[in-house]
Amino acid sequence: MYDAFGVDARTTFLVNADGTIRKVWPKVSVAGHAEDVYNSLA
């Protein structure tokens, strides 16, 4: 998957039910990341 999108393992994708990528976080740091992802779900 990472090779297909040309990103490294520190990238997070938010994908909706129909497979559309809603948001990408490249090169994330752990601190606060889960909260940022959670807040993007609304």
N, C-alpha and C. Protein backbone atom coordinates (compact mmCIF):
# COMPACT_ATOMS: atom_id res chain seq x y z
N MET A 1 0.83 -1.19 0.00
CA MET A 1 0.00 0.00 0.00
C MET A 1 0.88 1.25 0.00
N TYR A 2 1.89 1.25 0.86
CA TYR A 2 2.75 2.42 0.93
C TYR A 2 3.46 2.67 -0.41
N ASP A 3 3.93 1.60 -1.03
CA ASP A 3 4.60 1.75 -2.33
C ASP A 3 3.63 2.26 -3.39
N ALA A 4 2.39 1.79 -3.35
CA ALA A 4 1.40 2.20 -4.35
C ALA A 4 1.12 3.69 -4.28
N PHE A 5 1.15 4.25 -3.08
CA PHE A 5 0.87 5.68 -2.91
C PHE A 5 2.14 6.52 -2.78
N GLY A 6 3.30 5.87 -2.76
CA GLY A 6 4.56 6.59 -2.68
C GLY A 6 4.77 7.31 -1.36
N VAL A 7 4.33 6.69 -0.27
CA VAL A 7 4.48 7.29 1.06
C VAL A 7 5.22 6.32 1.97
N ASP A 8 5.59 6.82 3.16
CA ASP A 8 6.25 5.93 4.11
C ASP A 8 5.25 5.44 5.16
N ALA A 9 5.73 4.60 6.06
CA ALA A 9 4.86 3.95 7.04
C ALA A 9 4.32 4.90 8.09
N ARG A 10 4.74 6.15 8.08
CA ARG A 10 4.24 7.11 9.06
C ARG A 10 3.14 7.98 8.47
N THR A 11 2.46 7.47 7.46
CA THR A 11 1.37 8.18 6.81
C THR A 11 0.05 7.53 7.20
N THR A 12 -0.94 8.36 7.52
CA THR A 12 -2.27 7.87 7.86
C THR A 12 -3.25 8.35 6.81
N PHE A 13 -4.13 7.44 6.39
CA PHE A 13 -5.19 7.77 5.45
C PHE A 13 -6.54 7.63 6.14
N LEU A 14 -7.42 8.59 5.93
CA LEU A 14 -8.81 8.48 6.39
C LEU A 14 -9.63 8.17 5.15
N VAL A 15 -10.21 6.98 5.11
CA VAL A 15 -10.94 6.50 3.94
C VAL A 15 -12.40 6.28 4.33
N ASN A 16 -13.33 6.81 3.52
CA ASN A 16 -14.74 6.62 3.86
C ASN A 16 -15.25 5.28 3.34
N ALA A 17 -16.52 4.98 3.59
CA ALA A 17 -17.10 3.66 3.29
C ALA A 17 -17.05 3.32 1.80
N ASP A 18 -17.10 4.32 0.92
CA ASP A 18 -17.07 4.01 -0.51
C ASP A 18 -15.65 3.98 -1.08
N GLY A 19 -14.65 4.09 -0.22
CA GLY A 19 -13.26 3.97 -0.64
C GLY A 19 -12.59 5.28 -1.02
N THR A 20 -13.27 6.40 -0.85
CA THR A 20 -12.69 7.70 -1.14
C THR A 20 -11.77 8.14 -0.01
N ILE A 21 -10.58 8.57 -0.36
CA ILE A 21 -9.65 9.09 0.65
C ILE A 21 -10.11 10.49 1.02
N ARG A 22 -10.48 10.66 2.29
CA ARG A 22 -10.97 11.96 2.78
C ARG A 22 -9.85 12.87 3.26
N LYS A 23 -8.80 12.28 3.85
CA LYS A 23 -7.72 13.09 4.39
C LYS A 23 -6.46 12.24 4.48
N VAL A 24 -5.33 12.89 4.33
CA VAL A 24 -4.03 12.22 4.43
C VAL A 24 -3.16 13.00 5.40
N TRP A 25 -2.54 12.28 6.31
CA TRP A 25 -1.57 12.86 7.23
C TRP A 25 -0.21 12.26 6.89
N PRO A 26 0.64 12.98 6.17
CA PRO A 26 1.97 12.45 5.84
C PRO A 26 2.94 12.66 7.00
N LYS A 27 3.81 11.70 7.20
CA LYS A 27 4.89 11.79 8.20
C LYS A 27 4.39 12.27 9.56
N VAL A 28 3.40 11.57 10.09
CA VAL A 28 2.79 11.97 11.35
C VAL A 28 3.73 11.77 12.53
N SER A 29 3.48 12.54 13.58
CA SER A 29 4.13 12.29 14.86
C SER A 29 3.02 11.76 15.78
N VAL A 30 3.39 10.93 16.69
CA VAL A 30 2.42 10.24 17.54
C VAL A 30 1.64 11.19 18.44
N ALA A 31 2.33 12.17 19.01
CA ALA A 31 1.69 13.08 19.96
C ALA A 31 0.52 13.82 19.32
N GLY A 32 -0.68 13.56 19.82
CA GLY A 32 -1.87 14.26 19.36
C GLY A 32 -2.48 13.73 18.07
N HIS A 33 -1.82 12.77 17.42
CA HIS A 33 -2.32 12.30 16.13
C HIS A 33 -3.68 11.61 16.23
N ALA A 34 -3.85 10.75 17.20
CA ALA A 34 -5.13 10.03 17.33
C ALA A 34 -6.28 11.02 17.53
N GLU A 35 -6.04 12.04 18.31
CA GLU A 35 -7.08 13.06 18.55
C GLU A 35 -7.40 13.81 17.25
N ASP A 36 -6.39 14.13 16.48
CA ASP A 36 -6.60 14.82 15.21
C ASP A 36 -7.42 13.95 14.25
N VAL A 37 -7.10 12.67 14.17
CA VAL A 37 -7.86 11.76 13.32
C VAL A 37 -9.30 11.67 13.82
N TYR A 38 -9.48 11.49 15.11
CA TYR A 38 -10.82 11.40 15.68
C TYR A 38 -11.63 12.65 15.37
N ASN A 39 -11.05 13.81 15.51
CA ASN A 39 -11.76 15.07 15.24
C ASN A 39 -12.11 15.21 13.76
N SER A 40 -11.41 14.54 12.89
CA SER A 40 -11.69 14.59 11.46
C SER A 40 -12.85 13.67 11.05
N LEU A 41 -13.31 12.84 11.96
CA LEU A 41 -14.39 11.90 11.63
C LEU A 41 -15.75 12.58 11.56
N ALA A 42 -15.90 13.71 12.17
CA ALA A 42 -17.19 14.40 12.21
C ALA A 42 -17.53 15.05 10.89
